[in-house]
Amino acid sequence: QSHLVESGGGLVQPGGSLRLSCAASGFTLDHLTMGWFRQAPGKEREAVSCISSSDGNTAYQNSVKGRFTISRDNAQNTVYLHLNSLKPEDTAVYYCAARSFQFRQCSMESHEYDYWGQGTQVTVSS
């Protein structure tokens, strides 16, 4: 059975850093376009970043540009989201997601992703 598992969340002070991991089981991530999304309490899920399988192209939500970085380690079959200069408004459950193999381009639309992890909580607070 194929699934994604996120890890690396936690409680961090403003200005701190975290590295979120998304590990795959049952399929190979290097052929898939991957995305990170987040959902804060009382808010809708929003896209954070994506990385394409075709050319490694990346995209970021404006509020995280320059602070977050998406990357992939094909040998580890894992995609990462590096979170730096964290702010209280970054507090949310973070989800990784994968598009089906035939969709190679980066997308910031959640409905275009077919596989989802269970999420990992990130809390930014002093």
Foldseek 3Di string as FASTA:
>chain_A
DKAKAKDWADEAAAQAKIKIKIAIDPDFPLLWKKFKWWDDPPGDIWTAKIAFNPPRDMDGDPVCPPAWDWDDDRVRSMIMIIGGSDDQVVWTWMKMFTAPNVDGDIDGDPVRTDHIYPTDTHGYHD
